[in-house]
PDB file of N, CA and C in Angstrom:
ATOM      1  N   THR A   1      52.740  -5.049 -84.641  1.00  0.00           N
ATOM      2  CA  THR A   1      52.132  -4.606 -83.936  1.00  0.00           C
ATOM      3  C   THR A   1      50.627  -5.452 -83.633  1.00  0.00           C
ATOM      4  N   ASN A   2      50.374  -5.069 -82.494  1.00  0.00           N
ATOM      5  CA  ASN A   2      48.696  -5.825 -82.035  1.00  0.00           C
ATOM      6  C   ASN A   2      47.971  -4.132 -82.589  1.00  0.00           C
ATOM      7  N   VAL A   3      46.947  -5.079 -82.987  1.00  0.00           N
ATOM      8  CA  VAL A   3      46.022  -3.611 -83.224  1.00  0.00           C
ATOM      9  C   VAL A   3      44.975  -3.240 -82.395  1.00  0.00           C
ATOM     10  N   ALA A   4      44.791  -3.807 -81.596  1.00  0.00           N
ATOM     11  CA  ALA A   4      44.397  -3.210 -80.308  1.00  0.00           C
ATOM     12  C   ALA A   4      44.983  -2.334 -79.729  1.00  0.00           C
ATOM     13  N   GLU A   5      46.405  -2.055 -79.378  1.00  0.00           N
ATOM     14  CA  GLU A   5      47.243  -1.036 -78.767  1.00  0.00           C
ATOM     15  C   GLU A   5      47.363  -0.135 -79.745  1.00  0.00           C
ATOM     16  N   ALA A   6      47.217  -0.345 -80.955  1.00  0.00           N
ATOM     17  CA  ALA A   6      48.027   1.022 -82.019  1.00  0.00           C
ATOM     18  C   ALA A   6      47.285   2.084 -81.911  1.00  0.00           C
ATOM     19  N   GLU A   7      48.072   3.042 -81.825  1.00  0.00           N
ATOM     20  CA  GLU A   7      47.489   4.585 -81.562  1.00  0.00           C
ATOM     21  C   GLU A   7      47.031   5.106 -82.530  1.00  0.00           C
ATOM     22  N   VAL A   8      45.624   5.826 -82.807  1.00  0.00           N
ATOM     23  CA  VAL A   8      45.127   6.362 -84.296  1.00  0.00           C
ATOM     24  C   VAL A   8      45.516   8.066 -84.372  1.00  0.00           C
ATOM     25  N   ASP A   9      46.090   7.985 -85.345  1.00  0.00           N
ATOM     26  CA  ASP A   9      46.520   9.956 -84.981  1.00  0.00           C
ATOM     27  C   ASP A   9      45.621  10.487 -85.863  1.00  0.00           C
ATOM     28  N   TYR A  10      44.924   9.816 -86.731  1.00  0.00           N
ATOM     29  CA  TYR A  10      44.004  10.967 -87.575  1.00  0.00           C
ATOM     30  C   TYR A  10      43.235   9.795 -88.214  1.00  0.00           C
ATOM     31  N   LEU A  11      42.183  10.335 -88.651  1.00  0.00           N
ATOM     32  CA  LEU A  11      41.223   9.733 -89.940  1.00  0.00           C
ATOM     33  C   LEU A  11      40.683  10.256 -90.790  1.00  0.00           C
ATOM     34  N   VAL A  12      40.406   9.685 -91.748  1.00  0.00           N
ATOM     35  CA  VAL A  12      40.180  10.430 -93.483  1.00  0.00           C
ATOM     36  C   VAL A  12      38.869   9.728 -92.951  1.00  0.00           C
ATOM     37  N   LYS A  13      37.720  10.748 -93.372  1.00  0.00           N
ATOM     38  CA  LYS A  13      36.457   9.800 -94.287  1.00  0.00           C
ATOM     39  C   LYS A  13      36.507  10.636 -95.621  1.00  0.00           C
ATOM     40  N   SER A  14      36.150   9.579 -96.577  1.00  0.00           N
ATOM     41  CA  SER A  14      36.207  10.254 -97.652  1.00  0.00           C
ATOM     42  C   SER A  14      34.707  10.377 -98.409  1.00  0.00           C
ATOM     43  N   SER A  15      33.714   9.863 -97.819  1.00  0.00           N
ATOM     44  CA  SER A  15      32.416  10.022 -98.689  1.00  0.00           C
ATOM     45  C   SER A  15      31.787  11.275 -98.224  1.00  0.00           C
ATOM     46  N   VAL A  16      30.803  11.134 -99.216  1.00  0.00           N
ATOM     47  CA  VAL A  16      30.084  12.985 -98.750  1.00  0.00           C
ATOM     48  C   VAL A  16      28.799  12.515 -99.399  1.00  0.00           C
ATOM     49  N   LEU A  17      27.683  12.910 -98.131  1.00  0.00           N
ATOM     50  CA  LEU A  17      26.508  12.191 -97.786  1.00  0.00           C
ATOM     51  C   LEU A  17      25.789  13.714 -99.128  1.00  0.00           C
ATOM     52  N   ILE A  18      24.848  13.295 -99.735  1.00  0.00           N
ATOM     53  CA  ILE A  18      23.805  14.021-100.073  1.00  0.00           C
ATOM     54  C   ILE A  18      22.464  13.855 -99.996  1.00  0.00           C
ATOM     55  N   MET A  19      21.507  15.164 -99.561  1.00  0.00           N
ATOM     56  CA  MET A  19      20.135  14.765 -99.422  1.00  0.00           C
ATOM     57  C   MET A  19      19.275  15.422-100.488  1.00  0.00           C
ATOM     58  N   THR A  20      18.660  14.446-100.930  1.00  0.00           N
ATOM     59  CA  THR A  20      17.872  15.881-101.721  1.00  0.00           C
ATOM     60  C   THR A  20      16.399  15.314-101.567  1.00  0.00           C
ATOM     61  N   ILE A  21      15.306  16.247-101.620  1.00  0.00           N
ATOM     62  CA  ILE A  21      14.193  16.251-101.586  1.00  0.00           C
ATOM     63  C   ILE A  21      13.519  16.744-102.170  1.00  0.00           C
ATOM     64  N   VAL A  22      12.330  15.746-102.960  1.00  0.00           N
ATOM     65  CA  VAL A  22      11.286  16.725-104.423  1.00  0.00           C
ATOM     66  C   VAL A  22       9.640  16.239-104.035  1.00  0.00           C
ATOM     67  N   THR A  23       9.311  17.396-103.796  1.00  0.00           N
ATOM     68  CA  THR A  23       7.696  17.675-103.590  1.00  0.00           C
ATOM     69  C   THR A  23       7.131  17.393-104.935  1.00  0.00           C
ATOM     70  N   ALA A  24       6.295  16.719-104.898  1.00  0.00           N
ATOM     71  CA  ALA A  24       5.188  16.694-106.613  1.00  0.00           C
ATOM     72  C   ALA A  24       4.150  17.442-105.598  1.00  0.00           C
ATOM     73  N   ILE A  25       3.288  18.116-106.516  1.00  0.00           N
ATOM     74  CA  ILE A  25       1.898  18.795-105.749  1.00  0.00           C
ATOM     75  C   ILE A  25       1.435  18.761-107.079  1.00  0.00           C
ATOM     76  N   THR A  26       0.086  17.812-106.721  1.00  0.00           N
ATOM     77  CA  THR A  26      -1.010  18.065-107.861  1.00  0.00           C
ATOM     78  C   THR A  26      -2.222  18.684-107.615  1.00  0.00           C
ATOM     79  N   SER A  27      -2.697  19.303-108.267  1.00  0.00           N
ATOM     80  CA  SER A  27      -3.816  20.074-107.928  1.00  0.00           C
ATOM     81  C   SER A  27      -4.915  19.621-108.967  1.00  0.00           C
ATOM     82  N   THR A  28      -6.409  19.479-108.278  1.00  0.00           N
ATOM     83  CA  THR A  28      -6.869  19.342-109.204  1.00  0.00           C
ATOM     84  C   THR A  28      -8.266  19.885-109.244  1.00  0.00           C
ATOM     85  N   VAL A  29      -8.969  20.868-110.061  1.00  0.00           N
ATOM     86  CA  VAL A  29      -9.658  21.844-109.904  1.00  0.00           C
ATOM     87  C   VAL A  29     -11.054  21.261-110.928  1.00  0.00           C
ATOM     88  N   ASP A  30     -12.699  21.912-110.695  1.00  0.00           N
ATOM     89  CA  ASP A  30     -13.389  22.078-112.155  1.00  0.00           C
ATOM     90  C   ASP A  30     -12.915  22.976-112.812  1.00  0.00           C
ATOM     91  N   PRO A  31     -12.781  22.421-114.012  1.00  0.00           N
ATOM     92  CA  PRO A  31     -12.243  23.447-115.163  1.00  0.00           C
ATOM     93  C   PRO A  31     -13.628  24.644-115.453  1.00  0.00           C
ATOM     94  N   ALA A  32     -14.853  23.896-115.019  1.00  0.00           N
ATOM     95  CA  ALA A  32     -16.017  25.016-115.284  1.00  0.00           C
ATOM     96  C   ALA A  32     -16.225  26.500-114.214  1.00  0.00           C
ATOM     97  N   SER A  33     -15.296  25.874-113.232  1.00  0.00           N
ATOM     98  CA  SER A  33     -15.406  27.367-112.064  1.00  0.00           C
ATOM     99  C   SER A  33     -13.798  27.596-112.390  1.00  0.00           C
ATOM    100  N   VAL A  34     -13.093  27.680-113.432  1.00  0.00           N
ATOM    101  CA  VAL A  34     -11.951  28.421-113.663  1.00  0.00           C
ATOM    102  C   VAL A  34     -11.977  28.629-115.344  1.00  0.00           C
ATOM    103  N   ALA A  35     -13.015  28.688-115.868  1.00  0.00           N
ATOM    104  CA  ALA A  35     -13.300  29.483-117.512  1.00  0.00           C
ATOM    105  C   ALA A  35     -12.202  30.244-117.796  1.00  0.00           C
ATOM    106  N   LYS A  36     -12.720  31.381-116.916  1.00  0.00           N
ATOM    107  CA  LYS A  36     -12.246  32.700-116.888  1.00  0.00           C
ATOM    108  C   LYS A  36     -10.832  33.207-116.279  1.00  0.00           C
ATOM    109  N   LYS A  37     -10.364  31.995-115.716  1.00  0.00           N
ATOM    110  CA  LYS A  37      -9.196  32.151-115.360  1.00  0.00           C
ATOM    111  C   LYS A  37      -8.060  31.670-115.708  1.00  0.00           C
ATOM    112  N   LYS A  38      -6.940  32.125-115.704  1.00  0.00           N
ATOM    113  CA  LYS A  38      -5.529  32.031-116.236  1.00  0.00           C
ATOM    114  C   LYS A  38      -4.891  31.207-115.615  1.00  0.00           C
ATOM    115  N   LEU A  39      -4.135  30.037-116.419  1.00  0.00           N
ATOM    116  CA  LEU A  39      -3.778  29.039-115.645  1.00  0.00           C
ATOM    117  C   LEU A  39      -2.214  29.227-115.992  1.00  0.00           C
ATOM    118  N   VAL A  40      -1.590  28.826-115.064  1.00  0.00           N
ATOM    119  CA  VAL A  40      -0.163  29.332-114.875  1.00  0.00           C
ATOM    120  C   VAL A  40       0.110  27.419-114.739  1.00  0.00           C
ATOM    121  N   GLU A  41       1.599  27.994-115.892  1.00  0.00           N
ATOM    122  CA  GLU A  41       2.478  26.357-116.106  1.00  0.00           C
ATOM    123  C   GLU A  41       2.803  26.136-114.440  1.00  0.00           C
ATOM    124  N   PRO A  42       2.842  24.028-114.176  1.00  0.00           N
ATOM    125  CA  PRO A  42       3.593  23.917-113.286  1.00  0.00           C
ATOM    126  C   PRO A  42       4.664  24.361-113.051  1.00  0.00           C
ATOM    127  N   PHE A  43       5.908  24.238-112.371  1.00  0.00           N
ATOM    128  CA  PHE A  43       7.573  24.661-112.053  1.00  0.00           C
ATOM    129  C   PHE A  43       7.760  23.409-110.814  1.00  0.00           C
ATOM    130  N   SER A  44       8.938  23.484-110.601  1.00  0.00           N
ATOM    131  CA  SER A  44       9.763  22.782-109.399  1.00  0.00           C
ATOM    132  C   SER A  44      10.290  23.881-109.001  1.00  0.00           C
ATOM    133  N   ILE A  45      10.243  23.595-107.789  1.00  0.00           N
ATOM    134  CA  ILE A  45      11.453  23.985-106.168  1.00  0.00           C
ATOM    135  C   ILE A  45      12.613  22.895-106.420  1.00  0.00           C
ATOM    136  N   CYS A  46      13.504  23.397-107.116  1.00  0.00           N
ATOM    137  CA  CYS A  46      14.812  22.309-106.499  1.00  0.00           C
ATOM    138  C   CYS A  46      15.291  22.790-105.182  1.00  0.00           C
ATOM    139  N   ALA A  47      15.578  21.232-104.251  1.00  0.00           N
ATOM    140  CA  ALA A  47      15.696  21.552-103.067  1.00  0.00           C
ATOM    141  C   ALA A  47      17.399  22.256-102.901  1.00  0.00           C
ATOM    142  N   ASP A  48      18.318  22.498-103.751  1.00  0.00           N
ATOM    143  CA  ASP A  48      19.349  23.159-103.767  1.00  0.00           C
ATOM    144  C   ASP A  48      19.297  24.397-104.092  1.00  0.00           C
ATOM    145  N   SER A  49      17.464  25.087-104.168  1.00  0.00           N
ATOM    146  CA  SER A  49      17.156  26.445-104.526  1.00  0.00           C
ATOM    147  C   SER A  49      17.301  27.368-103.178  1.00  0.00           C
ATOM    148  N   SER A  50      17.681  28.474-103.287  1.00  0.00           N
ATOM    149  CA  SER A  50      17.491  29.706-101.932  1.00  0.00           C
ATOM    150  C   SER A  50      16.133  29.736-101.774  1.00  0.00           C
ATOM    151  N   SER A  51      15.201  29.311-102.735  1.00  0.00           N
ATOM    152  CA  SER A  51      13.645  29.655-102.479  1.00  0.00           C
ATOM    153  C   SER A  51      12.841  28.522-101.381  1.00  0.00           C
ATOM    154  N   SER A  52      14.213  27.454-101.493  1.00  0.00           N
ATOM    155  CA  SER A  52      13.699  26.275-100.427  1.00  0.00           C
ATOM    156  C   SER A  52      14.043  26.111 -99.492  1.00  0.00           C
ATOM    157  N   GLY A  53      15.090  27.068 -99.087  1.00  0.00           N
ATOM    158  CA  GLY A  53      15.711  27.042 -97.710  1.00  0.00           C
ATOM    159  C   GLY A  53      17.197  25.872 -97.586  1.00  0.00           C
ATOM    160  N   GLY A  54      17.020  25.363 -99.163  1.00  0.00           N
ATOM    161  CA  GLY A  54      17.945  24.107 -99.377  1.00  0.00           C
ATOM    162  C   GLY A  54      19.088  24.669 -99.314  1.00  0.00           C
ATOM    163  N   THR A  55      20.262  23.646 -99.884  1.00  0.00           N
ATOM    164  CA  THR A  55      21.729  24.252 -99.622  1.00  0.00           C
ATOM    165  C   THR A  55      22.646  23.283-100.685  1.00  0.00           C
ATOM    166  N   ASN A  56      23.484  23.974-101.525  1.00  0.00           N
ATOM    167  CA  ASN A  56      24.015  23.756-102.949  1.00  0.00           C
ATOM    168  C   ASN A  56      24.677  22.579-102.410  1.00  0.00           C
ATOM    169  N   PRO A  57      24.817  21.271-103.005  1.00  0.00           N
ATOM    170  CA  PRO A  57      25.558  20.031-102.517  1.00  0.00           C
ATOM    171  C   PRO A  57      26.820  20.462-103.297  1.00  0.00           C
ATOM    172  N   THR A  58      27.242  21.223-104.124  1.00  0.00           N
ATOM    173  CA  THR A  58      28.326  21.840-104.727  1.00  0.00           C
ATOM    174  C   THR A  58      29.078  22.233-103.666  1.00  0.00           C
ATOM    175  N   THR A  59      28.256  23.751-102.934  1.00  0.00           N
ATOM    176  CA  THR A  59      29.348  24.393-102.363  1.00  0.00           C
ATOM    177  C   THR A  59      29.429  23.506-100.999  1.00  0.00           C
ATOM    178  N   ASP A  60      28.695  22.577-100.487  1.00  0.00           N
ATOM    179  CA  ASP A  60      28.794  21.896 -99.668  1.00  0.00           C
ATOM    180  C   ASP A  60      30.021  21.100 -99.635  1.00  0.00           C
ATOM    181  N   ALA A  61      30.132  20.252-100.213  1.00  0.00           N
ATOM    182  CA  ALA A  61      30.903  19.197-100.781  1.00  0.00           C
ATOM    183  C   ALA A  61      32.611  20.265-100.888  1.00  0.00           C
ATOM    184  N   HIS A  62      32.490  21.332-101.531  1.00  0.00           N
ATOM    185  CA  HIS A  62      34.165  22.497-101.128  1.00  0.00           C
ATOM    186  C   HIS A  62      33.986  22.579-100.110  1.00  0.00           C
ATOM    187  N   GLN A  63      33.030  22.825 -99.062  1.00  0.00           N
ATOM    188  CA  GLN A  63      33.497  23.049 -97.935  1.00  0.00           C
ATOM    189  C   GLN A  63      34.045  21.874 -96.923  1.00  0.00           C
ATOM    190  N   MET A  64      33.746  21.140 -97.125  1.00  0.00           N
ATOM    191  CA  MET A  64      33.779  19.803 -96.374  1.00  0.00           C
ATOM    192  C   MET A  64      35.486  19.289 -96.688  1.00  0.00           C
ATOM    193  N   SER A  65      35.950  19.418 -98.327  1.00  0.00           N
ATOM    194  CA  SER A  65      37.064  19.590 -98.581  1.00  0.00           C
ATOM    195  C   SER A  65      37.836  20.209 -98.251  1.00  0.00           C
ATOM    196  N   LEU A  66      37.877  21.392 -98.050  1.00  0.00           N
ATOM    197  CA  LEU A  66      38.341  22.517 -97.262  1.00  0.00           C
ATOM    198  C   LEU A  66      38.703  22.168 -95.704  1.00  0.00           C
ATOM    199  N   SER A  67      37.373  21.979 -94.643  1.00  0.00           N
ATOM    200  CA  SER A  67      37.591  21.517 -93.594  1.00  0.00           C
ATOM    201  C   SER A  67      38.294  20.244 -93.645  1.00  0.00           C
ATOM    202  N   ALA A  68      38.344  19.303 -94.761  1.00  0.00           N
ATOM    203  CA  ALA A  68      38.950  18.441 -94.318  1.00  0.00           C
ATOM    204  C   ALA A  68      40.789  18.584 -94.894  1.00  0.00           C
ATOM    205  N   ASP A  69      41.117  19.728 -95.350  1.00  0.00           N
ATOM    206  CA  ASP A  69      42.459  20.041 -95.663  1.00  0.00           C
ATOM    207  C   ASP A  69      42.996  21.170 -94.925  1.00  0.00           C
ATOM    208  N   VAL A  70      42.152  21.606 -93.687  1.00  0.00           N
ATOM    209  CA  VAL A  70      42.345  22.143 -92.630  1.00  0.00           C
ATOM    210  C   VAL A  70      42.827  21.423 -91.063  1.00  0.00           C
ATOM    211  N   ARG A  71      42.105  20.328 -91.139  1.00  0.00           N
ATOM    212  CA  ARG A  71      41.962  19.469 -90.358  1.00  0.00           C
ATOM    213  C   ARG A  71      43.083  18.297 -90.254  1.00  0.00           C
ATOM    214  N   MET A  72      43.254  18.135 -91.749  1.00  0.00           N
ATOM    215  CA  MET A  72      44.934  17.127 -91.974  1.00  0.00           C
ATOM    216  C   MET A  72      45.981  17.817 -91.641  1.00  0.00           C
ATOM    217  N   TYR A  73      45.709  19.461 -91.762  1.00  0.00           N
ATOM    218  CA  TYR A  73      46.257  20.375 -91.655  1.00  0.00           C
ATOM    219  C   TYR A  73      47.392  20.560 -90.154  1.00  0.00           C
ATOM    220  N   ALA A  74      46.054  20.222 -89.617  1.00  0.00           N
ATOM    221  CA  ALA A  74      46.309  20.382 -87.660  1.00  0.00           C
ATOM    222  C   ALA A  74      46.724  19.498 -87.078  1.00  0.00           C
ATOM    223  N   GLU A  75      46.198  18.231 -87.929  1.00  0.00           N
ATOM    224  CA  GLU A  75      47.024  16.845 -87.471  1.00  0.00           C
ATOM    225  C   GLU A  75      48.509  16.764 -87.563  1.00  0.00           C
ATOM    226  N   TYR A  76      48.778  17.310 -88.456  1.00  0.00           N
ATOM    227  CA  TYR A  76      50.172  16.539 -89.090  1.00  0.00           C
ATOM    228  C   TYR A  76      50.736  17.629 -88.164  1.00  0.00           C
ATOM    229  N   ASN A  77      50.511  19.113 -87.830  1.00  0.00           N
ATOM    230  CA  ASN A  77      51.166  19.553 -87.009  1.00  0.00           C
ATOM    231  C   ASN A  77      51.374  19.475 -85.514  1.00  0.00           C
ATOM    232  N   VAL A  78      50.390  18.428 -85.644  1.00  0.00           N
ATOM    233  CA  VAL A  78      50.632  18.036 -83.544  1.00  0.00           C
ATOM    234  C   VAL A  78      50.624  17.258 -83.853  1.00  0.00           C
ATOM    235  N   LYS A  79      50.744  16.563 -84.969  1.00  0.00           N
ATOM    236  CA  LYS A  79      52.338  15.283 -84.831  1.00  0.00           C
ATOM    237  C   LYS A  79      53.823  15.438 -84.622  1.00  0.00           C
ATOM    238  N   LYS A  80      54.005  16.591 -85.643  1.00  0.00           N
ATOM    239  CA  LYS A  80      55.238  17.234 -85.853  1.00  0.00           C
ATOM    240  C   LYS A  80      55.902  18.118 -84.611  1.00  0.00           C
ATOM    241  N   LYS A  81      54.540  18.579 -83.746  1.00  0.00           N
ATOM    242  CA  LYS A  81      55.068  18.903 -82.237  1.00  0.00           C
ATOM    243  C   LYS A  81      55.208  17.529 -81.465  1.00  0.00           C
ATOM    244  N   ARG A  82      54.580  16.584 -81.382  1.00  0.00           N
ATOM    245  CA  ARG A  82      54.577  15.153 -80.732  1.00  0.00           C
ATOM    246  C   ARG A  82      56.452  15.267 -80.924  1.00  0.00           C
ATOM    247  N   ARG A  83      56.595  14.864 -82.485  1.00  0.00           N
ATOM    248  CA  ARG A  83      57.841  14.387 -82.516  1.00  0.00           C
ATOM    249  C   ARG A  83      58.961  15.366 -82.046  1.00  0.00           C
ATOM    250  N   LEU A  84      59.018  16.730 -81.964  1.00  0.00           N
ATOM    251  CA  LEU A  84      59.828  17.673 -81.508  1.00  0.00           C
ATOM    252  C   LEU A  84      60.027  17.252 -80.329  1.00  0.00           C
ATOM    253  N   LYS A  85      58.950  17.596 -79.642  1.00  0.00           N
ATOM    254  CA  LYS A  85      59.110  16.955 -77.839  1.00  0.00           C
ATOM    255  C   LYS A  85      59.803  16.004 -77.812  1.00  0.00           C
ATOM    256  N   SER A  86      59.624  14.999 -78.570  1.00  0.00           N
ATOM    257  CA  SER A  86      60.600  13.771 -77.989  1.00  0.00           C
ATOM    258  C   SER A  86      61.954  13.861 -78.632  1.00  0.00           C
ATOM    259  N   VAL A  87      62.436  14.684 -79.602  1.00  0.00           N
ATOM    260  CA  VAL A  87      63.655  14.754 -79.517  1.00  0.00           C
ATOM    261  C   VAL A  87      63.985  15.572 -79.064  1.00  0.00           C
ATOM    262  N   ALA A  88      63.596  16.724 -78.415  1.00  0.00           N
ATOM    263  CA  ALA A  88      63.843  17.703 -77.153  1.00  0.00           C
ATOM    264  C   ALA A  88      64.103  17.231 -75.961  1.00  0.00           C
ATOM    265  N   LYS A  89      63.379  15.880 -75.879  1.00  0.00           N
ATOM    266  CA  LYS A  89      63.487  15.554 -74.656  1.00  0.00           C
ATOM    267  C   LYS A  89      65.182  14.663 -74.107  1.00  0.00           C
ATOM    268  N   ARG A  90      65.205  13.485 -75.504  1.00  0.00           N
ATOM    269  CA  ARG A  90      66.334  13.180 -75.538  1.00  0.00           C
ATOM    270  C   ARG A  90      67.236  13.943 -76.031  1.00  0.00           C
ATOM    271  N   ARG A  91      67.428  15.264 -76.433  1.00  0.00           N
ATOM    272  CA  ARG A  91      68.573  15.905 -75.979  1.00  0.00           C
ATOM    273  C   ARG A  91      68.930  16.151 -75.026  1.00  0.00           C
ATOM    274  N   VAL A  92      67.742  16.585 -74.004  1.00  0.00           N
ATOM    275  CA  VAL A  92      68.176  16.934 -72.512  1.00  0.00           C
ATOM    276  C   VAL A  92      68.654  15.818 -71.889  1.00  0.00           C
ATOM    277  N   GLU A  93      67.986  14.815 -72.147  1.00  0.00           N
ATOM    278  CA  GLU A  93      69.017  13.704 -71.014  1.00  0.00           C
ATOM    279  C   GLU A  93      70.512  13.769 -71.473  1.00  0.00           C
ATOM    280  N   LEU A  94      70.439  13.444 -73.195  1.00  0.00           N
ATOM    281  CA  LEU A  94      71.752  13.092 -73.378  1.00  0.00           C
ATOM    282  C   LEU A  94      72.695  14.513 -72.650  1.00  0.00           C
ATOM    283  N   LEU A  95      71.907  15.513 -72.260  1.00  0.00           N
ATOM    284  CA  LEU A  95      73.109  16.849 -71.585  1.00  0.00           C
ATOM    285  C   LEU A  95      72.900  16.580 -70.801  1.00  0.00           C
ATOM    286  N   LYS A  96      72.077  15.977 -69.763  1.00  0.00           N
ATOM    287  CA  LYS A  96      72.245  15.293 -68.233  1.00  0.00           C
ATOM    288  C   LYS A  96      73.548  14.640 -68.419  1.00  0.00           C
ATOM    289  N   VAL A  97      73.442  13.839 -69.024  1.00  0.00           N
ATOM    290  CA  VAL A  97      74.531  12.459 -68.948  1.00  0.00           C
ATOM    291  C   VAL A  97      76.043  13.600 -69.044  1.00  0.00           C
ATOM    292  N   ARG A  98      76.010  14.084 -70.332  1.00  0.00           N
ATOM    293  CA  ARG A  98      77.336  14.784 -70.489  1.00  0.00           C
ATOM    294  C   ARG A  98      77.548  15.994 -69.372  1.00  0.00           C
ATOM    295  N   GLU A  99      76.870  16.481 -68.766  1.00  0.00           N
ATOM    296  CA  GLU A  99      76.659  17.463 -67.560  1.00  0.00           C
ATOM    297  C   GLU A  99      77.464  16.412 -65.959  1.00  0.00           C
ATOM    298  N   GLY A 100      77.207  15.109 -66.208  1.00  0.00           N
ATOM    299  CA  GLY A 100      77.486  14.156 -65.220  1.00  0.00           C
ATOM    300  C   GLY A 100      78.983  13.877 -65.207  1.00  0.00           C
ATOM    301  N   GLU A 101      79.180  13.546 -66.614  1.00  0.00           N
ATOM    302  CA  GLU A 101      80.504  13.215 -67.091  1.00  0.00           C
ATOM    303  C   GLU A 101      81.492  14.093 -66.598  1.00  0.00           C
ATOM    304  N   ILE A 102      81.114  15.272 -67.186  1.00  0.00           N
ATOM    305  CA  ILE A 102      82.334  16.386 -66.854  1.00  0.00           C
ATOM    306  C   ILE A 102      82.150  16.643 -65.750  1.00  0.00           C
ATOM    307  N   LYS A 103      81.038  16.377 -64.804  1.00  0.00           N
ATOM    308  CA  LYS A 103      81.445  16.459 -63.247  1.00  0.00           C
ATOM    309  C   LYS A 103      81.949  15.677 -62.482  1.00  0.00           C
ATOM    310  N   SER A 104      82.284  14.072 -63.311  1.00  0.00           N
ATOM    311  CA  SER A 104      82.921  12.970 -62.652  1.00  0.00           C
ATOM    312  C   SER A 104      84.487  13.589 -62.779  1.00  0.00           C
ATOM    313  N   LEU A 105      84.929  14.059 -64.189  1.00  0.00           N
ATOM    314  CA  LEU A 105      86.198  14.494 -64.393  1.00  0.00           C
ATOM    315  C   LEU A 105      86.650  15.274 -63.797  1.00  0.00           C
ATOM    316  N   LYS A 106      86.080  16.416 -63.295  1.00  0.00           N
ATOM    317  CA  LYS A 106      86.340  17.385 -62.613  1.00  0.00           C
ATOM    318  C   LYS A 106      87.025  16.446 -61.073  1.00  0.00           C
ATOM    319  N   VAL A 107      86.167  15.752 -60.956  1.00  0.00           N
ATOM    320  CA  VAL A 107      86.494  15.458 -59.511  1.00  0.00           C
ATOM    321  C   VAL A 107      87.527  14.382 -59.499  1.00  0.00           C
TER     322      VAL A 107
END
């Protein structure tokens, strides 16, 4: 077959892209001005935490997988529908030929 004339019924893309953003904040303060202040330990906000408005890569990957399953199921049904239509078309043509033969035998 000629590749340029080939028909593509579906395409499966299996790679999953995950973007991670890390922000580092460093504060410098004069120790004399904060002698009576209570210091707080630094903490990090992960990109997948709800406080940073990010998303969870595991949930996204599951959603993408589910979406791919639904898409493949729909594509399978489209292919099956095409095949059934072609079978029905062939049977209609055979019935027309048979009806023509019956008419010619009656005459």
